[in-house]
Structures are given as C-alpha cells and as structure tokens.
Amino acid sequence: MKKIFAEIGLGNETFLSTEIEESDGEYRISGFIIPKKIKGCYIRIWVFKTVFIISTDNGFEIKKKDKKRLKIIFGISGIE
C-alpha cells in the first residue's frame, strides 16, 4: 500500500510536490497527486533543525531533524 503526501508550499524543490512512500523506500515527484483515500491534512513549518507540525492525525508536534531547512508546507496525507 502506498502512502501519499501531496504538498503545497515553499522549501521543497517545487511549489507543488508529492511524496510517495512504499515498503521499499520513498521518492518525491513534482506535481500534486491527491490520494484516493484522504487520511488527514497538516501544516509543517521547518526552521533549521526544528520542525513544527500541526495535523489532523496527531495534533501538534515538534520534531528535531539532522538537516537544516526553511520550509512552510501545507499537505494532504492518504493512501492509494
């Protein structure tokens, strides 16, 4: 089963992008592919190594990452 994360925002390689996760890995494509079954939506604000996430699935979270980035993303998550 594929997990789909369709995202709009600044910080990824393109303004509209979709990340697809499968059992053998993940990859990102340009363009916005809406999942067949929507599980939730989220806002992700990535400031250097700290990521603030507000989602309908998990509420509010703060995560630490190894990479430094600046991103502001709105996304829709689901499955295909």
N, C-alpha and C. Protein backbone atom coordinates (compact mmCIF):
# COMPACT_ATOMS: atom_id res chain seq x y z
N MET A 1 0.84 -1.18 0.00
CA MET A 1 0.00 0.00 0.00
C MET A 1 0.89 1.25 0.00
N LYS A 2 0.60 2.16 -0.88
CA LYS A 2 1.38 3.39 -0.98
C LYS A 2 0.79 4.47 -0.07
N LYS A 3 1.68 5.19 0.62
CA LYS A 3 1.27 6.38 1.36
C LYS A 3 1.60 7.58 0.48
N ILE A 4 0.66 8.51 0.39
CA ILE A 4 0.80 9.68 -0.47
C ILE A 4 0.77 10.94 0.39
N PHE A 5 1.72 11.85 0.18
CA PHE A 5 1.76 13.13 0.85
C PHE A 5 1.84 14.22 -0.21
N ALA A 6 0.70 14.82 -0.54
CA ALA A 6 0.65 15.88 -1.55
C ALA A 6 0.86 17.21 -0.83
N GLU A 7 1.83 18.01 -1.29
CA GLU A 7 2.24 19.22 -0.56
C GLU A 7 2.28 20.45 -1.46
N ILE A 8 1.88 21.57 -0.84
CA ILE A 8 1.94 22.89 -1.48
C ILE A 8 2.73 23.77 -0.54
N GLY A 9 3.73 24.48 -1.07
CA GLY A 9 4.44 25.41 -0.21
C GLY A 9 5.85 25.70 -0.65
N LEU A 10 6.54 26.42 0.19
CA LEU A 10 7.90 26.85 -0.08
C LEU A 10 8.89 26.00 0.70
N GLY A 11 9.98 25.62 0.04
CA GLY A 11 11.03 24.86 0.71
C GLY A 11 11.35 23.55 0.02
N ASN A 12 10.38 22.95 -0.65
CA ASN A 12 10.66 21.77 -1.46
C ASN A 12 11.23 22.23 -2.79
N GLU A 13 11.64 21.28 -3.62
CA GLU A 13 12.22 21.64 -4.91
C GLU A 13 11.21 22.35 -5.81
N THR A 14 9.93 21.98 -5.72
CA THR A 14 8.88 22.64 -6.49
C THR A 14 7.76 23.08 -5.55
N PHE A 15 6.98 24.07 -5.99
CA PHE A 15 5.88 24.60 -5.16
C PHE A 15 4.82 23.53 -4.91
N LEU A 16 4.53 22.71 -5.92
CA LEU A 16 3.60 21.59 -5.80
C LEU A 16 4.40 20.31 -5.92
N SER A 17 4.33 19.45 -4.92
CA SER A 17 5.06 18.19 -5.00
C SER A 17 4.30 17.10 -4.25
N THR A 18 4.64 15.87 -4.57
CA THR A 18 4.02 14.71 -3.93
C THR A 18 5.11 13.74 -3.52
N GLU A 19 5.07 13.32 -2.26
CA GLU A 19 5.99 12.30 -1.76
C GLU A 19 5.22 10.99 -1.68
N ILE A 20 5.81 9.94 -2.21
CA ILE A 20 5.18 8.62 -2.21
C ILE A 20 6.08 7.68 -1.42
N GLU A 21 5.48 7.04 -0.40
CA GLU A 21 6.21 6.08 0.43
C GLU A 21 5.68 4.69 0.14
N GLU A 22 6.61 3.77 -0.15
CA GLU A 22 6.27 2.38 -0.36
C GLU A 22 7.13 1.55 0.59
N SER A 23 6.91 0.27 0.63
CA SER A 23 7.66 -0.59 1.55
C SER A 23 9.16 -0.58 1.25
N ASP A 24 9.53 -0.36 0.00
CA ASP A 24 10.95 -0.41 -0.36
C ASP A 24 11.62 0.97 -0.39
N GLY A 25 10.93 2.01 0.02
CA GLY A 25 11.54 3.35 0.06
C GLY A 25 10.54 4.45 -0.22
N GLU A 26 11.09 5.64 -0.46
CA GLU A 26 10.23 6.79 -0.74
C GLU A 26 10.86 7.63 -1.84
N TYR A 27 10.02 8.37 -2.55
CA TYR A 27 10.50 9.28 -3.58
C TYR A 27 9.54 10.45 -3.72
N ARG A 28 10.03 11.53 -4.33
CA ARG A 28 9.25 12.75 -4.49
C ARG A 28 9.16 13.07 -5.97
N ILE A 29 7.95 13.48 -6.40
CA ILE A 29 7.75 13.89 -7.78
C ILE A 29 7.15 15.30 -7.78
N SER A 30 7.37 16.04 -8.85
CA SER A 30 6.76 17.35 -8.95
C SER A 30 5.30 17.17 -9.37
N GLY A 31 4.45 18.07 -8.95
CA GLY A 31 3.03 17.97 -9.22
C GLY A 31 2.27 17.55 -7.98
N PHE A 32 0.98 17.71 -8.03
CA PHE A 32 0.11 17.48 -6.88
C PHE A 32 -0.82 16.32 -7.20
N ILE A 33 -0.58 15.16 -6.59
CA ILE A 33 -1.42 13.98 -6.78
C ILE A 33 -2.25 13.79 -5.52
N ILE A 34 -3.55 13.93 -5.66
CA ILE A 34 -4.44 13.78 -4.50
C ILE A 34 -4.61 12.29 -4.20
N PRO A 35 -4.43 11.89 -2.93
CA PRO A 35 -4.60 10.47 -2.57
C PRO A 35 -6.03 10.00 -2.83
N LYS A 36 -6.19 8.72 -3.14
CA LYS A 36 -7.52 8.16 -3.35
C LYS A 36 -8.34 8.16 -2.07
N LYS A 37 -7.67 7.86 -0.95
CA LYS A 37 -8.35 7.89 0.35
C LYS A 37 -7.58 8.87 1.25
N ILE A 38 -8.18 10.01 1.54
CA ILE A 38 -7.53 11.05 2.35
C ILE A 38 -7.62 10.68 3.82
N LYS A 39 -6.48 10.69 4.50
CA LYS A 39 -6.40 10.37 5.93
C LYS A 39 -6.35 11.63 6.80
N GLY A 40 -5.77 12.72 6.28
CA GLY A 40 -5.66 13.93 7.08
C GLY A 40 -4.95 15.03 6.32
N CYS A 41 -4.81 16.16 6.99
CA CYS A 41 -4.06 17.27 6.42
C CYS A 41 -3.15 17.85 7.51
N TYR A 42 -2.15 18.61 7.07
CA TYR A 42 -1.16 19.10 8.02
C TYR A 42 -0.52 20.38 7.51
N ILE A 43 0.03 21.11 8.45
CA ILE A 43 0.89 22.26 8.17
C ILE A 43 2.22 21.95 8.83
N ARG A 44 3.30 22.08 8.06
CA ARG A 44 4.63 21.79 8.57
C ARG A 44 5.50 23.04 8.38
N ILE A 45 6.07 23.51 9.48
CA ILE A 45 6.98 24.65 9.44
C ILE A 45 8.33 24.17 9.93
N TRP A 46 9.31 24.19 9.04
CA TRP A 46 10.64 23.66 9.31
C TRP A 46 11.59 24.84 9.41
N VAL A 47 12.12 25.08 10.61
CA VAL A 47 13.05 26.17 10.87
C VAL A 47 14.38 25.58 11.33
N PHE A 48 15.35 25.59 10.43
CA PHE A 48 16.65 24.97 10.65
C PHE A 48 16.48 23.50 11.02
N LYS A 49 16.80 23.07 12.21
CA LYS A 49 16.70 21.65 12.56
C LYS A 49 15.43 21.31 13.36
N THR A 50 14.53 22.28 13.53
CA THR A 50 13.31 22.06 14.29
C THR A 50 12.10 22.11 13.35
N VAL A 51 11.22 21.12 13.47
CA VAL A 51 10.02 21.06 12.63
C VAL A 51 8.79 21.13 13.53
N PHE A 52 7.92 22.10 13.24
CA PHE A 52 6.65 22.26 13.95
C PHE A 52 5.56 21.71 13.04
N ILE A 53 4.76 20.79 13.55
CA ILE A 53 3.74 20.14 12.74
C ILE A 53 2.39 20.26 13.45
N ILE A 54 1.40 20.73 12.70
CA ILE A 54 0.02 20.74 13.16
C ILE A 54 -0.75 19.85 12.19
N SER A 55 -1.33 18.75 12.69
CA SER A 55 -2.02 17.83 11.80
C SER A 55 -3.34 17.36 12.40
N THR A 56 -4.23 16.93 11.51
CA THR A 56 -5.50 16.39 11.97
C THR A 56 -5.32 14.99 12.56
N ASP A 57 -4.23 14.32 12.23
CA ASP A 57 -3.96 12.98 12.76
C ASP A 57 -3.38 13.00 14.16
N ASN A 58 -2.33 13.83 14.36
CA ASN A 58 -1.56 13.79 15.61
C ASN A 58 -1.57 15.09 16.40
N GLY A 59 -2.33 16.08 16.00
CA GLY A 59 -2.35 17.34 16.73
C GLY A 59 -1.08 18.13 16.50
N PHE A 60 -0.50 18.67 17.56
CA PHE A 60 0.71 19.49 17.47
C PHE A 60 1.92 18.68 17.89
N GLU A 61 2.97 18.73 17.08
CA GLU A 61 4.22 18.02 17.38
C GLU A 61 5.41 18.92 17.08
N ILE A 62 6.49 18.69 17.79
CA ILE A 62 7.78 19.33 17.49
C ILE A 62 8.79 18.20 17.32
N LYS A 63 9.48 18.21 16.17
CA LYS A 63 10.48 17.17 15.90
C LYS A 63 11.82 17.82 15.59
N LYS A 64 12.88 17.09 15.85
CA LYS A 64 14.24 17.52 15.52
C LYS A 64 14.73 16.71 14.32
N LYS A 65 15.42 17.36 13.41
CA LYS A 65 15.98 16.71 12.23
C LYS A 65 17.47 16.98 12.16
N ASP A 66 18.18 16.20 11.35
CA ASP A 66 19.61 16.38 11.18
C ASP A 66 19.94 17.49 10.17
N LYS A 67 19.07 17.67 9.19
CA LYS A 67 19.33 18.66 8.14
C LYS A 67 18.76 20.02 8.51
N LYS A 68 19.43 21.08 8.08
CA LYS A 68 18.92 22.44 8.26
C LYS A 68 18.10 22.82 7.03
N ARG A 69 16.87 23.26 7.26
CA ARG A 69 15.98 23.66 6.18
C ARG A 69 15.10 24.82 6.63
N LEU A 70 14.56 25.53 5.66
CA LEU A 70 13.49 26.50 5.89
C LEU A 70 12.35 26.11 4.97
N LYS A 71 11.22 25.71 5.56
CA LYS A 71 10.07 25.27 4.77
C LYS A 71 8.78 25.70 5.44
N ILE A 72 7.80 26.01 4.62
CA ILE A 72 6.42 26.21 5.07
C ILE A 72 5.57 25.43 4.10
N ILE A 73 4.92 24.38 4.58
CA ILE A 73 4.24 23.42 3.72
C ILE A 73 2.82 23.15 4.25
N PHE A 74 1.85 23.10 3.34
CA PHE A 74 0.52 22.56 3.63
C PHE A 74 0.40 21.25 2.88
N GLY A 75 -0.05 20.20 3.55
CA GLY A 75 -0.11 18.90 2.89
C GLY A 75 -1.37 18.13 3.19
N ILE A 76 -1.64 17.17 2.30
CA ILE A 76 -2.75 16.22 2.45
C ILE A 76 -2.12 14.84 2.44
N SER A 77 -2.46 14.02 3.44
CA SER A 77 -1.91 12.68 3.50
C SER A 77 -3.01 11.66 3.25
N GLY A 78 -2.60 10.54 2.69
CA GLY A 78 -3.57 9.48 2.43
C GLY A 78 -2.91 8.27 1.84
N ILE A 79 -3.73 7.37 1.32
CA ILE A 79 -3.24 6.14 0.72
C ILE A 79 -3.82 5.98 -0.68
N GLU A 80 -3.13 5.16 -1.45
CA GLU A 80 -3.61 4.89 -2.81
C GLU A 80 -4.18 3.50 -2.89
